[in-house]
Amino acid sequence: GNYKDGKQDGEWLWYHQNGQIQEKGNYKDGKQDGEWLNYNENGQLKDKGNFKDDKLEGETLGYHWNGQLKYKGNYKDGKQDGEYLIYYENGHLKLKTNNKEGKRDGEWTRYYENGQINYKGFKYGELKEGIELKYYENGRLEHKGKYKYAKKEGEWLYYWKNGQLKIKNNYKEGKREGEKLWSYENCQLEKTEI
């Protein structure tokens, strides 16, 4: 790479010990600027993204060792912005989130490696809000409930892997109230008063 007025400028290259390019990118006035590429030791592209004034800007892509897409997302002023996707090595979607200014914003879904949904919920910053659904790997519902201002609210249902109701609770402002219904696997529901 080159220097201009004591600052990194123009194209810069870094190499693995085997001579393959490890990283390639541009500087402008000492700051990362434009497309940056990272490679594995075998020469295969590992990830790429664009920079503006030393901050990620626009689409970023990452790849697994087998060449399958690992992640895809967008950045604005160095922070995740918009949809962000993460994939398993087999190409199936692992995680789908929405982000605003680097924080989760809205629905996010996590998947099992077989493609079945594992979890679906809503987050705004670090606060859970709205319906939350969690599934077993066989596709059956594990639990269902709602958050209001990051606290459990209303009816929450939990199920065994066979689909039978396991527990039924009611919440108000994050505290369990009223009767609780529960069962052992393959048994009838029992009731306790709270």
Protein backbone atom coordinates (compact mmCIF):
# COMPACT_ATOMS: atom_id res chain seq x y z
CA GLY A 1 0.00 0.00 0.00
CA ASN A 2 0.88 3.65 -0.30
CA TYR A 3 0.89 6.67 1.95
CA LYS A 4 -0.13 10.21 1.11
CA ASP A 5 0.65 12.99 3.58
CA GLY A 6 1.45 10.33 6.20
CA LYS A 7 -1.91 8.55 5.80
CA GLN A 8 -2.78 5.27 4.10
CA ASP A 9 -4.05 5.95 0.60
CA GLY A 10 -5.11 3.88 -2.40
CA GLU A 11 -5.24 0.09 -2.69
CA TRP A 12 -3.75 -2.04 0.09
CA LEU A 13 -3.15 -5.79 0.05
CA TRP A 14 -2.41 -8.27 2.85
CA TYR A 15 -1.33 -11.87 2.25
CA HIS A 16 -1.65 -15.27 3.95
CA GLN A 17 1.62 -17.11 4.66
CA ASN A 18 0.98 -19.29 1.60
CA GLY A 19 1.07 -16.21 -0.66
CA GLN A 20 -2.70 -16.01 -1.27
CA ILE A 21 -4.37 -12.63 -0.81
CA GLN A 22 -5.93 -12.35 2.66
CA GLU A 23 -7.45 -8.86 2.45
CA LYS A 24 -7.79 -6.22 -0.23
CA GLY A 25 -9.19 -2.72 0.13
CA ASN A 26 -8.79 0.98 -0.43
CA TYR A 27 -7.98 3.89 1.80
CA LYS A 28 -8.73 7.55 1.31
CA ASP A 29 -7.08 10.03 3.69
CA GLY A 30 -6.23 7.16 6.05
CA LYS A 31 -9.78 5.80 6.22
CA GLN A 32 -11.26 2.67 4.66
CA ASP A 33 -13.15 3.69 1.54
CA GLY A 34 -14.88 1.60 -1.12
CA GLU A 35 -15.03 -2.18 -1.49
CA TRP A 36 -13.09 -4.44 0.89
CA LEU A 37 -12.59 -8.14 0.25
CA ASN A 38 -11.37 -10.88 2.63
CA TYR A 39 -10.23 -14.30 1.40
CA ASN A 40 -9.58 -17.72 2.93
CA GLU A 41 -6.12 -19.31 2.57
CA ASN A 42 -7.38 -21.28 -0.44
CA GLY A 43 -8.19 -18.03 -2.28
CA GLN A 44 -11.95 -18.34 -1.84
CA LEU A 45 -13.88 -15.18 -0.96
CA LYS A 46 -14.69 -15.04 2.78
CA ASP A 47 -16.57 -11.73 2.98
CA LYS A 48 -16.98 -8.40 1.28
CA GLY A 49 -18.37 -5.02 2.14
CA ASN A 50 -18.17 -1.36 1.32
CA PHE A 51 -16.78 1.37 3.50
CA LYS A 52 -17.29 5.11 3.59
CA ASP A 53 -15.17 7.20 5.98
CA ASP A 54 -14.01 4.06 7.85
CA LYS A 55 -17.60 2.80 8.42
CA LEU A 56 -19.46 -0.05 6.73
CA GLU A 57 -21.97 1.26 4.21
CA GLY A 58 -24.37 -0.72 2.02
CA GLU A 59 -24.54 -4.47 1.44
CA THR A 60 -22.17 -6.91 3.15
CA LEU A 61 -21.81 -10.58 2.25
CA GLY A 62 -20.03 -13.43 3.99
CA TYR A 63 -19.41 -17.00 2.83
CA HIS A 64 -18.86 -20.40 4.45
CA TRP A 65 -15.79 -22.51 3.56
CA ASN A 66 -17.97 -24.49 1.13
CA GLY A 67 -18.86 -21.31 -0.80
CA GLN A 68 -22.43 -21.13 0.49
CA LEU A 69 -23.67 -17.73 1.60
CA LYS A 70 -23.10 -17.26 5.37
CA TYR A 71 -24.65 -13.83 5.89
CA LYS A 72 -26.14 -10.93 3.96
CA GLY A 73 -27.02 -7.56 5.39
CA ASN A 74 -26.98 -3.84 4.98
CA TYR A 75 -25.18 -1.15 6.90
CA LYS A 76 -25.78 2.55 7.20
CA ASP A 77 -23.13 4.74 8.81
CA GLY A 78 -21.43 1.65 10.29
CA LYS A 79 -24.57 0.15 11.86
CA GLN A 80 -26.80 -2.69 10.70
CA ASP A 81 -29.83 -1.27 8.94
CA GLY A 82 -32.66 -3.22 7.33
CA GLU A 83 -32.91 -6.96 6.81
CA TYR A 84 -30.03 -9.17 8.00
CA LEU A 85 -29.87 -12.86 7.05
CA ILE A 86 -27.61 -15.62 8.40
CA TYR A 87 -27.38 -19.05 6.74
CA TYR A 88 -26.27 -22.56 7.70
CA GLU A 89 -23.53 -24.25 5.63
CA ASN A 90 -26.23 -26.30 3.89
CA GLY A 91 -27.77 -23.09 2.52
CA HIS A 92 -30.83 -23.09 4.77
CA LEU A 93 -31.74 -19.85 6.51
CA LYS A 94 -30.60 -19.72 10.17
CA LEU A 95 -31.68 -16.23 11.29
CA LYS A 96 -33.65 -13.36 9.80
CA THR A 97 -33.74 -10.02 11.60
CA ASN A 98 -34.69 -6.45 10.90
CA ASN A 99 -32.47 -3.71 12.24
CA LYS A 100 -32.51 0.04 12.56
CA GLU A 101 -29.42 2.01 13.58
CA GLY A 102 -27.70 -1.20 14.73
CA LYS A 103 -30.55 -2.48 16.92
CA ARG A 104 -33.22 -5.09 16.28
CA ASP A 105 -36.36 -3.48 14.99
CA GLY A 106 -39.41 -5.66 14.43
CA GLU A 107 -39.82 -9.31 13.56
CA TRP A 108 -36.96 -11.76 13.84
CA THR A 109 -37.06 -15.46 13.08
CA ARG A 110 -34.60 -18.24 13.92
CA TYR A 111 -34.60 -21.58 12.05
CA TYR A 112 -33.39 -25.12 12.69
CA GLU A 113 -30.82 -26.51 10.25
CA ASN A 114 -33.56 -28.63 8.66
CA GLY A 115 -35.41 -25.44 7.65
CA GLN A 116 -38.16 -25.61 10.30
CA ILE A 117 -38.88 -22.44 12.27
CA ASN A 118 -37.31 -22.52 15.75
CA TYR A 119 -38.41 -19.11 17.07
CA LYS A 120 -40.42 -16.13 15.90
CA GLY A 121 -40.80 -12.91 17.83
CA PHE A 122 -40.52 -9.15 17.80
CA LYS A 123 -37.79 -7.01 19.30
CA TYR A 124 -37.33 -3.27 19.41
CA GLY A 125 -33.83 -2.58 20.62
CA GLU A 126 -33.40 -5.11 23.42
CA LEU A 127 -37.10 -5.16 24.36
CA LYS A 128 -39.39 -8.02 23.35
CA GLU A 129 -42.83 -6.91 22.20
CA GLY A 130 -45.83 -8.75 20.75
CA ILE A 131 -46.41 -12.43 20.01
CA GLU A 132 -43.62 -14.95 20.65
CA LEU A 133 -43.70 -18.44 19.12
CA LYS A 134 -41.19 -21.22 19.82
CA TYR A 135 -41.23 -24.54 17.95
CA TYR A 136 -39.74 -27.99 18.38
CA GLU A 137 -37.55 -29.30 15.56
CA ASN A 138 -40.44 -31.53 14.45
CA GLY A 139 -42.45 -28.35 13.65
CA ARG A 140 -44.84 -28.58 16.60
CA LEU A 141 -45.42 -25.56 18.79
CA GLU A 142 -43.37 -25.52 22.03
CA HIS A 143 -44.80 -22.30 23.48
CA LYS A 144 -46.87 -19.27 22.56
CA GLY A 145 -47.33 -16.02 24.41
CA LYS A 146 -47.29 -12.25 24.21
CA TYR A 147 -45.02 -9.54 25.52
CA LYS A 148 -46.18 -6.03 26.34
CA TYR A 149 -43.43 -3.54 27.19
CA ALA A 150 -40.96 -6.50 27.50
CA LYS A 151 -43.13 -8.27 30.12
CA LYS A 152 -45.24 -11.39 29.68
CA GLU A 153 -48.88 -10.48 29.27
CA GLY A 154 -52.04 -12.57 28.96
CA GLU A 155 -52.24 -16.27 28.23
CA TRP A 156 -49.03 -18.31 27.76
CA LEU A 157 -49.28 -21.88 26.51
CA TYR A 158 -46.53 -24.52 26.65
CA TYR A 159 -46.70 -27.86 24.83
CA TRP A 160 -45.01 -31.27 24.88
CA LYS A 161 -43.26 -32.49 21.70
CA ASN A 162 -46.32 -34.61 20.91
CA GLY A 163 -48.50 -31.46 20.75
CA GLN A 164 -50.29 -32.04 24.06
CA LEU A 165 -50.77 -28.99 26.28
CA LYS A 166 -48.15 -28.96 29.04
CA ILE A 167 -48.75 -25.69 30.95
CA LYS A 168 -51.22 -22.84 30.71
CA ASN A 169 -50.42 -19.65 32.63
CA ASN A 170 -51.81 -16.14 32.69
CA TYR A 171 -49.65 -13.08 33.21
CA LYS A 172 -50.26 -9.45 33.98
CA GLU A 173 -47.33 -7.02 33.74
CA GLY A 174 -44.89 -9.95 33.85
CA LYS A 175 -46.33 -11.61 36.95
CA ARG A 176 -48.19 -14.92 36.86
CA GLU A 177 -51.73 -14.67 38.18
CA GLY A 178 -54.83 -16.81 38.44
CA GLU A 179 -54.98 -20.54 37.98
CA LYS A 180 -52.24 -22.61 36.44
CA LEU A 181 -53.04 -25.66 34.33
CA TRP A 182 -50.33 -28.26 33.80
CA SER A 183 -49.89 -31.89 32.78
CA TYR A 184 -47.31 -34.61 32.65
CA GLU A 185 -46.58 -35.92 29.17
CA ASN A 186 -49.48 -38.15 27.98
CA CYS A 187 -51.56 -37.35 31.11
CA GLN A 188 -54.64 -35.25 31.79
CA LEU A 189 -54.48 -31.60 32.75
CA GLU A 190 -54.37 -30.74 36.43
CA LYS A 191 -55.15 -27.39 37.98
CA THR A 192 -53.54 -25.41 40.76
CA GLU A 193 -54.65 -22.10 42.20
CA ILE A 194 -52.15 -19.28 42.52
